[in-house]
Amino acid sequence: MIMVSFVFNSDMACHIDGFIAAVAHTHVLREGPVTGRAADVIAAANTAAEVALRLVKPGKKVIICKQFILITRHFEFRTLIFVCL
């Protein structure tokens, strides 16, 4: 059951001729500005995505686990184990 202030994620992807295109968005069902923990979740996800994009370079091995952990600690969340495998 979806309730007011419910935070959910929608993902879409397609695979065409060997190329993958994927997109994901976080949504909050409510009227007015998003505040509190819901706003923190969105800010943490956006920060993690921006950090990952800035660290990834062609030909460079990048491990973003440490940065994700630092971001989640800053927002007072816990990192899921599968993120850091």
Protein backbone atom coordinates (compact mmCIF):
# COMPACT_ATOMS: atom_id res chain seq x y z
CA MET A 1 0.00 0.00 0.00
CA ILE A 2 1.40 3.40 -0.99
CA MET A 3 0.99 6.08 1.66
CA VAL A 4 1.62 9.83 1.86
CA SER A 5 5.35 10.62 2.18
CA PHE A 6 6.16 7.16 0.76
CA VAL A 7 9.66 7.10 -0.82
CA PHE A 8 10.06 4.74 -3.75
CA ASN A 9 12.46 4.12 -6.61
CA SER A 10 11.60 3.46 -10.23
CA ASP A 11 14.15 1.78 -12.52
CA MET A 12 13.99 1.30 -16.27
CA ALA A 13 16.54 -0.24 -18.62
CA CYS A 14 16.84 -1.60 -22.12
CA HIS A 15 19.42 -3.64 -24.00
CA ILE A 16 19.76 -2.90 -27.73
CA ASP A 17 22.47 -4.34 -29.98
CA GLY A 18 24.82 -4.95 -27.06
CA PHE A 19 24.36 -1.54 -25.46
CA ILE A 20 22.58 -0.98 -22.17
CA ALA A 21 20.72 2.18 -21.20
CA ALA A 22 19.44 2.47 -17.64
CA VAL A 23 17.80 5.18 -15.58
CA ALA A 24 16.52 5.32 -12.01
CA HIS A 25 14.62 7.98 -10.11
CA THR A 26 13.65 8.37 -6.47
CA HIS A 27 10.18 9.75 -5.84
CA VAL A 28 8.33 10.97 -2.76
CA LEU A 29 4.53 11.05 -2.78
CA ARG A 30 3.53 14.19 -0.97
CA GLU A 31 2.41 17.76 -1.46
CA GLY A 32 4.89 20.53 -0.77
CA PRO A 33 8.65 20.33 -0.20
CA VAL A 34 10.34 17.14 0.91
CA THR A 35 11.87 17.45 4.39
CA GLY A 36 13.38 15.25 7.09
CA ARG A 37 14.71 11.75 6.44
CA ALA A 38 13.06 11.55 3.01
CA ALA A 39 15.04 14.62 1.91
CA ASP A 40 18.20 13.10 3.41
CA VAL A 41 17.69 9.85 1.46
CA ILE A 42 17.36 11.77 -1.80
CA ALA A 43 20.36 13.99 -1.02
CA ALA A 44 22.52 10.98 -0.09
CA ALA A 45 21.59 9.10 -3.29
CA ASN A 46 22.26 12.17 -5.42
CA THR A 47 25.60 12.82 -3.71
CA ALA A 48 26.67 9.18 -4.18
CA ALA A 49 25.74 9.30 -7.87
CA GLU A 50 27.69 12.53 -8.40
CA VAL A 51 30.76 11.14 -6.61
CA ALA A 52 30.64 7.94 -8.67
CA LEU A 53 30.38 9.90 -11.94
CA ARG A 54 33.34 12.09 -11.02
CA LEU A 55 35.55 9.17 -9.98
CA VAL A 56 34.98 6.93 -13.00
CA LYS A 57 37.60 7.53 -15.70
CA PRO A 58 38.44 5.48 -18.80
CA GLY A 59 41.20 2.95 -18.11
CA LYS A 60 41.21 3.62 -14.35
CA LYS A 61 40.17 1.06 -11.74
CA VAL A 62 37.88 2.80 -9.29
CA ILE A 63 36.56 1.45 -6.01
CA ILE A 64 33.79 3.73 -4.78
CA CYS A 65 32.84 1.69 -1.72
CA LYS A 66 34.78 3.91 0.69
CA GLN A 67 33.15 7.06 -0.69
CA PHE A 68 29.67 5.52 -0.44
CA ILE A 69 30.31 4.60 3.19
CA LEU A 70 31.48 8.14 3.98
CA ILE A 71 28.39 9.61 2.32
CA THR A 72 25.98 7.33 4.16
CA ARG A 73 27.69 8.05 7.49
CA HIS A 74 27.44 11.78 6.83
CA PHE A 75 23.67 11.44 6.33
CA GLU A 76 23.46 8.99 9.27
CA PHE A 77 22.41 5.97 7.19
CA ARG A 78 23.87 2.48 6.97
CA THR A 79 25.46 1.15 3.78
CA LEU A 80 24.04 -2.11 2.47
CA ILE A 81 26.60 -4.90 2.20
CA PHE A 82 25.95 -5.67 -1.47
CA VAL A 83 26.94 -2.11 -2.42
CA CYS A 84 30.51 -2.74 -1.30
CA LEU A 85 31.20 -6.17 -2.78
